[in-house]
Amino acid sequence: EKQVKRATRAAYGVTLAELAAEGLPVV
């Protein structure tokens, strides 16, 4: 896993989508 590089910003949109799918009223 340490060999995989990802930006912290890459987590933003996908995590918001997951939260929305879980029923949270995120915008």
PDB file of all heavy atoms in Angstrom:
ATOM      1  N   GLU A   1       0.824  -1.213   0.000  1.00  0.00           N
ATOM      2  CA  GLU A   1       0.000   0.000   0.000  1.00  0.00           C
ATOM      3  C   GLU A   1       0.854   1.257   0.000  1.00  0.00           C
ATOM      4  O   GLU A   1       0.464   2.281  -0.568  1.00  0.00           O
ATOM      5  CB  GLU A   1      -0.939  -0.002   1.204  1.00  0.00           C
ATOM      6  CG  GLU A   1      -2.079  -1.003   1.100  1.00  0.00           C
ATOM      7  CD  GLU A   1      -2.904  -1.083   2.364  1.00  0.00           C
ATOM      8  OE1 GLU A   1      -2.324  -0.958   3.464  1.00  0.00           O
ATOM      9  OE2 GLU A   1      -4.124  -1.279   2.256  1.00  0.00           O
ATOM     10  N   LYS A   2       2.009   1.194   0.634  1.00  0.00           N
ATOM     11  CA  LYS A   2       2.887   2.371   0.693  1.00  0.00           C
ATOM     12  C   LYS A   2       3.410   2.763  -0.688  1.00  0.00           C
ATOM     13  O   LYS A   2       3.826   3.905  -0.892  1.00  0.00           O
ATOM     14  CB  LYS A   2       4.066   2.097   1.630  1.00  0.00           C
ATOM     15  CG  LYS A   2       3.689   2.069   3.099  1.00  0.00           C
ATOM     16  CD  LYS A   2       4.889   1.768   3.972  1.00  0.00           C
ATOM     17  CE  LYS A   2       4.511   1.699   5.441  1.00  0.00           C
ATOM     18  NZ  LYS A   2       5.666   1.362   6.300  1.00  0.00           N
ATOM     19  N   GLN A   3       3.399   1.836  -1.605  1.00  0.00           N
ATOM     20  CA  GLN A   3       3.882   2.121  -2.963  1.00  0.00           C
ATOM     21  C   GLN A   3       2.859   2.906  -3.782  1.00  0.00           C
ATOM     22  O   GLN A   3       3.191   3.480  -4.812  1.00  0.00           O
ATOM     23  CB  GLN A   3       4.217   0.814  -3.690  1.00  0.00           C
ATOM     24  CG  GLN A   3       5.233  -0.061  -2.967  1.00  0.00           C
ATOM     25  CD  GLN A   3       6.531   0.660  -2.664  1.00  0.00           C
ATOM     26  OE1 GLN A   3       7.091   1.322  -3.542  1.00  0.00           O
ATOM     27  NE2 GLN A   3       7.011   0.542  -1.440  1.00  0.00           N
ATOM     28  N   VAL A   4       1.621   2.918  -3.314  1.00  0.00           N
ATOM     29  CA  VAL A   4       0.542   3.595  -4.048  1.00  0.00           C
ATOM     30  C   VAL A   4       0.467   5.047  -3.588  1.00  0.00           C
ATOM     31  O   VAL A   4       0.245   5.326  -2.412  1.00  0.00           O
ATOM     32  CB  VAL A   4      -0.809   2.900  -3.805  1.00  0.00           C
ATOM     33  CG1 VAL A   4      -1.917   3.627  -4.562  1.00  0.00           C
ATOM     34  CG2 VAL A   4      -0.729   1.437  -4.236  1.00  0.00           C
ATOM     35  N   LYS A   5       0.646   5.965  -4.529  1.00  0.00           N
ATOM     36  CA  LYS A   5       0.569   7.389  -4.209  1.00  0.00           C
ATOM     37  C   LYS A   5      -0.769   7.964  -4.666  1.00  0.00           C
ATOM     38  O   LYS A   5      -1.175   7.771  -5.809  1.00  0.00           O
ATOM     39  CB  LYS A   5       1.709   8.158  -4.882  1.00  0.00           C
ATOM     40  CG  LYS A   5       3.084   7.893  -4.286  1.00  0.00           C
ATOM     41  CD  LYS A   5       4.114   8.841  -4.888  1.00  0.00           C
ATOM     42  CE  LYS A   5       5.467   8.691  -4.225  1.00  0.00           C
ATOM     43  NZ  LYS A   5       6.440   9.685  -4.743  1.00  0.00           N
ATOM     44  N   ARG A   6      -1.437   8.649  -3.767  1.00  0.00           N
ATOM     45  CA  ARG A   6      -2.700   9.311  -4.080  1.00  0.00           C
ATOM     46  C   ARG A   6      -2.748  10.651  -3.354  1.00  0.00           C
ATOM     47  O   ARG A   6      -2.240  10.779  -2.235  1.00  0.00           O
ATOM     48  CB  ARG A   6      -3.889   8.443  -3.642  1.00  0.00           C
ATOM     49  CG  ARG A   6      -4.052   7.157  -4.427  1.00  0.00           C
ATOM     50  CD  ARG A   6      -5.157   6.279  -3.861  1.00  0.00           C
ATOM     51  NE  ARG A   6      -4.778   5.703  -2.584  1.00  0.00           N
ATOM     52  CZ  ARG A   6      -5.510   4.826  -1.916  1.00  0.00           C
ATOM     53  NH1 ARG A   6      -6.677   4.434  -2.404  1.00  0.00           N
ATOM     54  NH2 ARG A   6      -5.116   4.330  -0.749  1.00  0.00           N
ATOM     55  N   ALA A   7      -3.354  11.632  -3.993  1.00  0.00           N
ATOM     56  CA  ALA A   7      -3.500  12.942  -3.369  1.00  0.00           C
ATOM     57  C   ALA A   7      -4.623  12.916  -2.347  1.00  0.00           C
ATOM     58  O   ALA A   7      -5.615  12.193  -2.517  1.00  0.00           O
ATOM     59  CB  ALA A   7      -3.786  14.003  -4.429  1.00  0.00           C
ATOM     60  N   THR A   8      -4.486  13.695  -1.297  1.00  0.00           N
ATOM     61  CA  THR A   8      -5.562  13.770  -0.310  1.00  0.00           C
ATOM     62  C   THR A   8      -6.836  14.331  -0.948  1.00  0.00           C
ATOM     63  O   THR A   8      -7.945  13.923  -0.600  1.00  0.00           O
ATOM     64  CB  THR A   8      -5.148  14.621   0.898  1.00  0.00           C
ATOM     65  OG1 THR A   8      -4.618  15.875   0.455  1.00  0.00           O
ATOM     66  CG2 THR A   8      -4.092  13.908   1.725  1.00  0.00           C
ATOM     67  N   ARG A   9      -6.688  15.246  -1.910  1.00  0.00           N
ATOM     68  CA  ARG A   9      -7.875  15.826  -2.560  1.00  0.00           C
ATOM     69  C   ARG A   9      -8.691  14.768  -3.309  1.00  0.00           C
ATOM     70  O   ARG A   9      -9.895  14.916  -3.498  1.00  0.00           O
ATOM     71  CB  ARG A   9      -7.470  16.930  -3.531  1.00  0.00           C
ATOM     72  CG  ARG A   9      -6.631  16.444  -4.702  1.00  0.00           C
ATOM     73  CD  ARG A   9      -6.479  17.496  -5.782  1.00  0.00           C
ATOM     74  NE  ARG A   9      -5.519  17.089  -6.793  1.00  0.00           N
ATOM     75  CZ  ARG A   9      -5.570  17.479  -8.054  1.00  0.00           C
ATOM     76  NH1 ARG A   9      -6.533  18.272  -8.467  1.00  0.00           N
ATOM     77  NH2 ARG A   9      -4.654  17.081  -8.913  1.00  0.00           N
ATOM     78  N   ALA A  10      -8.039  13.685  -3.737  1.00  0.00           N
ATOM     79  CA  ALA A  10      -8.733  12.636  -4.487  1.00  0.00           C
ATOM     80  C   ALA A  10      -9.791  11.931  -3.644  1.00  0.00           C
ATOM     81  O   ALA A  10     -10.683  11.269  -4.180  1.00  0.00           O
ATOM     82  CB  ALA A  10      -7.730  11.623  -5.026  1.00  0.00           C
ATOM     83  N   ALA A  11      -9.701  12.082  -2.330  1.00  0.00           N
ATOM     84  CA  ALA A  11     -10.668  11.440  -1.440  1.00  0.00           C
ATOM     85  C   ALA A  11     -11.969  12.219  -1.327  1.00  0.00           C
ATOM     86  O   ALA A  11     -12.981  11.678  -0.852  1.00  0.00           O
ATOM     87  CB  ALA A  11     -10.059  11.291  -0.042  1.00  0.00           C
ATOM     88  N   TYR A  12     -11.954  13.474  -1.764  1.00  0.00           N
ATOM     89  CA  TYR A  12     -13.053  14.388  -1.444  1.00  0.00           C
ATOM     90  C   TYR A  12     -14.389  13.981  -2.080  1.00  0.00           C
ATOM     91  O   TYR A  12     -15.349  13.610  -1.399  1.00  0.00           O
ATOM     92  CB  TYR A  12     -12.664  15.808  -1.848  1.00  0.00           C
ATOM     93  CG  TYR A  12     -13.495  16.912  -1.256  1.00  0.00           C
ATOM     94  CD1 TYR A  12     -14.299  16.703  -0.137  1.00  0.00           C
ATOM     95  CD2 TYR A  12     -13.468  18.183  -1.803  1.00  0.00           C
ATOM     96  CE1 TYR A  12     -15.040  17.728   0.411  1.00  0.00           C
ATOM     97  CE2 TYR A  12     -14.207  19.227  -1.262  1.00  0.00           C
ATOM     98  CZ  TYR A  12     -14.991  18.992  -0.154  1.00  0.00           C
ATOM     99  OH  TYR A  12     -15.731  20.012   0.381  1.00  0.00           O
ATOM    100  N   GLY A  13     -14.460  14.040  -3.406  1.00  0.00           N
ATOM    101  CA  GLY A  13     -15.722  13.783  -4.089  1.00  0.00           C
ATOM    102  C   GLY A  13     -16.267  12.390  -3.849  1.00  0.00           C
ATOM    103  O   GLY A  13     -17.479  12.211  -3.628  1.00  0.00           O
ATOM    104  N   VAL A  14     -15.399  11.379  -3.874  1.00  0.00           N
ATOM    105  CA  VAL A  14     -15.868  10.001  -3.712  1.00  0.00           C
ATOM    106  C   VAL A  14     -16.416   9.768  -2.306  1.00  0.00           C
ATOM    107  O   VAL A  14     -17.389   9.021  -2.122  1.00  0.00           O
ATOM    108  CB  VAL A  14     -14.752   8.987  -4.036  1.00  0.00           C
ATOM    109  CG1 VAL A  14     -14.370   9.052  -5.510  1.00  0.00           C
ATOM    110  CG2 VAL A  14     -13.521   9.194  -3.152  1.00  0.00           C
ATOM    111  N   THR A  15     -15.815  10.404  -1.311  1.00  0.00           N
ATOM    112  CA  THR A  15     -16.299  10.231   0.057  1.00  0.00           C
ATOM    113  C   THR A  15     -17.623  10.942   0.259  1.00  0.00           C
ATOM    114  O   THR A  15     -18.526  10.428   0.944  1.00  0.00           O
ATOM    115  CB  THR A  15     -15.251  10.736   1.067  1.00  0.00           C
ATOM    116  OG1 THR A  15     -13.989  10.106   0.815  1.00  0.00           O
ATOM    117  CG2 THR A  15     -15.676  10.401   2.489  1.00  0.00           C
ATOM    118  N   LEU A  16     -17.784  12.112  -0.335  1.00  0.00           N
ATOM    119  CA  LEU A  16     -19.070  12.805  -0.258  1.00  0.00           C
ATOM    120  C   LEU A  16     -20.173  11.942  -0.878  1.00  0.00           C
ATOM    121  O   LEU A  16     -21.293  11.868  -0.345  1.00  0.00           O
ATOM    122  CB  LEU A  16     -18.996  14.153  -0.969  1.00  0.00           C
ATOM    123  CG  LEU A  16     -18.154  15.247  -0.309  1.00  0.00           C
ATOM    124  CD1 LEU A  16     -18.202  16.526  -1.143  1.00  0.00           C
ATOM    125  CD2 LEU A  16     -18.633  15.524   1.114  1.00  0.00           C
ATOM    126  N   ALA A  17     -19.857  11.283  -2.001  1.00  0.00           N
ATOM    127  CA  ALA A  17     -20.845  10.420  -2.644  1.00  0.00           C
ATOM    128  C   ALA A  17     -21.223   9.251  -1.739  1.00  0.00           C
ATOM    129  O   ALA A  17     -22.397   8.867  -1.652  1.00  0.00           O
ATOM    130  CB  ALA A  17     -20.309   9.908  -3.977  1.00  0.00           C
ATOM    131  N   GLU A  18     -20.253   8.689  -1.052  1.00  0.00           N
ATOM    132  CA  GLU A  18     -20.533   7.589  -0.124  1.00  0.00           C
ATOM    133  C   GLU A  18     -21.424   8.059   1.028  1.00  0.00           C
ATOM    134  O   GLU A  18     -22.364   7.362   1.422  1.00  0.00           O
ATOM    135  CB  GLU A  18     -19.228   7.032   0.430  1.00  0.00           C
ATOM    136  CG  GLU A  18     -18.416   6.242  -0.581  1.00  0.00           C
ATOM    137  CD  GLU A  18     -17.110   5.746  -0.007  1.00  0.00           C
ATOM    138  OE1 GLU A  18     -16.814   6.044   1.171  1.00  0.00           O
ATOM    139  OE2 GLU A  18     -16.380   5.056  -0.739  1.00  0.00           O
ATOM    140  N   LEU A  19     -21.131   9.238   1.554  1.00  0.00           N
ATOM    141  CA  LEU A  19     -21.927   9.777   2.655  1.00  0.00           C
ATOM    142  C   LEU A  19     -23.370  10.018   2.210  1.00  0.00           C
ATOM    143  O   LEU A  19     -24.316   9.741   2.955  1.00  0.00           O
ATOM    144  CB  LEU A  19     -21.297  11.070   3.164  1.00  0.00           C
ATOM    145  CG  LEU A  19     -19.947  10.914   3.873  1.00  0.00           C
ATOM    146  CD1 LEU A  19     -19.292  12.273   4.098  1.00  0.00           C
ATOM    147  CD2 LEU A  19     -20.112  10.189   5.209  1.00  0.00           C
ATOM    148  N   ALA A  20     -23.522  10.527   0.980  1.00  0.00           N
ATOM    149  CA  ALA A  20     -24.866  10.752   0.450  1.00  0.00           C
ATOM    150  C   ALA A  20     -25.617   9.435   0.291  1.00  0.00           C
ATOM    151  O   ALA A  20     -26.813   9.334   0.613  1.00  0.00           O
ATOM    152  CB  ALA A  20     -24.784  11.489  -0.887  1.00  0.00           C
ATOM    153  N   ALA A  21     -24.907   8.421  -0.188  1.00  0.00           N
ATOM    154  CA  ALA A  21     -25.529   7.105  -0.372  1.00  0.00           C
ATOM    155  C   ALA A  21     -25.957   6.499   0.959  1.00  0.00           C
ATOM    156  O   ALA A  21     -26.893   5.695   1.020  1.00  0.00           O
ATOM    157  CB  ALA A  21     -24.562   6.172  -1.087  1.00  0.00           C
ATOM    158  N   GLU A  22     -25.279   6.881   2.022  1.00  0.00           N
ATOM    159  CA  GLU A  22     -25.617   6.395   3.361  1.00  0.00           C
ATOM    160  C   GLU A  22     -26.761   7.184   3.991  1.00  0.00           C
ATOM    161  O   GLU A  22     -27.179   6.882   5.121  1.00  0.00           O
ATOM    162  CB  GLU A  22     -24.375   6.446   4.255  1.00  0.00           C
ATOM    163  CG  GLU A  22     -23.289   5.460   3.828  1.00  0.00           C
ATOM    164  CD  GLU A  22     -21.939   5.751   4.470  1.00  0.00           C
ATOM    165  OE1 GLU A  22     -21.902   6.523   5.454  1.00  0.00           O
ATOM    166  OE2 GLU A  22     -20.930   5.209   3.990  1.00  0.00           O
ATOM    167  N   GLY A  23     -27.240   8.203   3.268  1.00  0.00           N
ATOM    168  CA  GLY A  23     -28.392   8.941   3.742  1.00  0.00           C
ATOM    169  C   GLY A  23     -28.100  10.256   4.414  1.00  0.00           C
ATOM    170  O   GLY A  23     -29.031  10.937   4.869  1.00  0.00           O
ATOM    171  N   LEU A  24     -26.845  10.666   4.485  1.00  0.00           N
ATOM    172  CA  LEU A  24     -26.532  11.952   5.093  1.00  0.00           C
ATOM    173  C   LEU A  24     -26.892  13.086   4.132  1.00  0.00           C
ATOM    174  O   LEU A  24     -26.660  12.962   2.918  1.00  0.00           O
ATOM    175  CB  LEU A  24     -25.046  12.037   5.457  1.00  0.00           C
ATOM    176  CG  LEU A  24     -24.655  11.460   6.829  1.00  0.00           C
ATOM    177  CD1 LEU A  24     -24.793   9.951   6.837  1.00  0.00           C
ATOM    178  CD2 LEU A  24     -23.230  11.873   7.202  1.00  0.00           C
ATOM    179  N   PRO A  25     -27.412  14.192   4.641  1.00  0.00           N
ATOM    180  CA  PRO A  25     -27.838  15.300   3.775  1.00  0.00           C
ATOM    181  C   PRO A  25     -26.676  16.205   3.354  1.00  0.00           C
ATOM    182  O   PRO A  25     -26.709  17.418   3.553  1.00  0.00           O
ATOM    183  CB  PRO A  25     -28.845  16.045   4.647  1.00  0.00           C
ATOM    184  CG  PRO A  25     -28.339  15.839   6.045  1.00  0.00           C
ATOM    185  CD  PRO A  25     -27.779  14.430   6.054  1.00  0.00           C
ATOM    186  N   VAL A  26     -25.650  15.599   2.755  1.00  0.00           N
ATOM    187  CA  VAL A  26     -24.485  16.379   2.357  1.00  0.00           C
ATOM    188  C   VAL A  26     -24.746  17.101   1.036  1.00  0.00           C
ATOM    189  O   VAL A  26     -25.432  16.583   0.145  1.00  0.00           O
ATOM    190  CB  VAL A  26     -23.218  15.498   2.225  1.00  0.00           C
ATOM    191  CG1 VAL A  26     -22.825  14.918   3.573  1.00  0.00           C
ATOM    192  CG2 VAL A  26     -23.419  14.396   1.209  1.00  0.00           C
ATOM    193  N   VAL A  27     -24.197  18.293   0.938  1.00  0.00           N
ATOM    194  CA  VAL A  27     -24.181  19.059  -0.299  1.00  0.00           C
ATOM    195  C   VAL A  27     -22.779  19.613  -0.476  1.00  0.00           C
ATOM    196  O   VAL A  27     -22.027  19.766   0.494  1.00  0.00           O
ATOM    197  CB  VAL A  27     -25.204  20.215  -0.294  1.00  0.00           C
ATOM    198  CG1 VAL A  27     -26.624  19.692  -0.271  1.00  0.00           C
ATOM    199  CG2 VAL A  27     -24.953  21.155   0.895  1.00  0.00           C
TER     200      VAL A  27
END
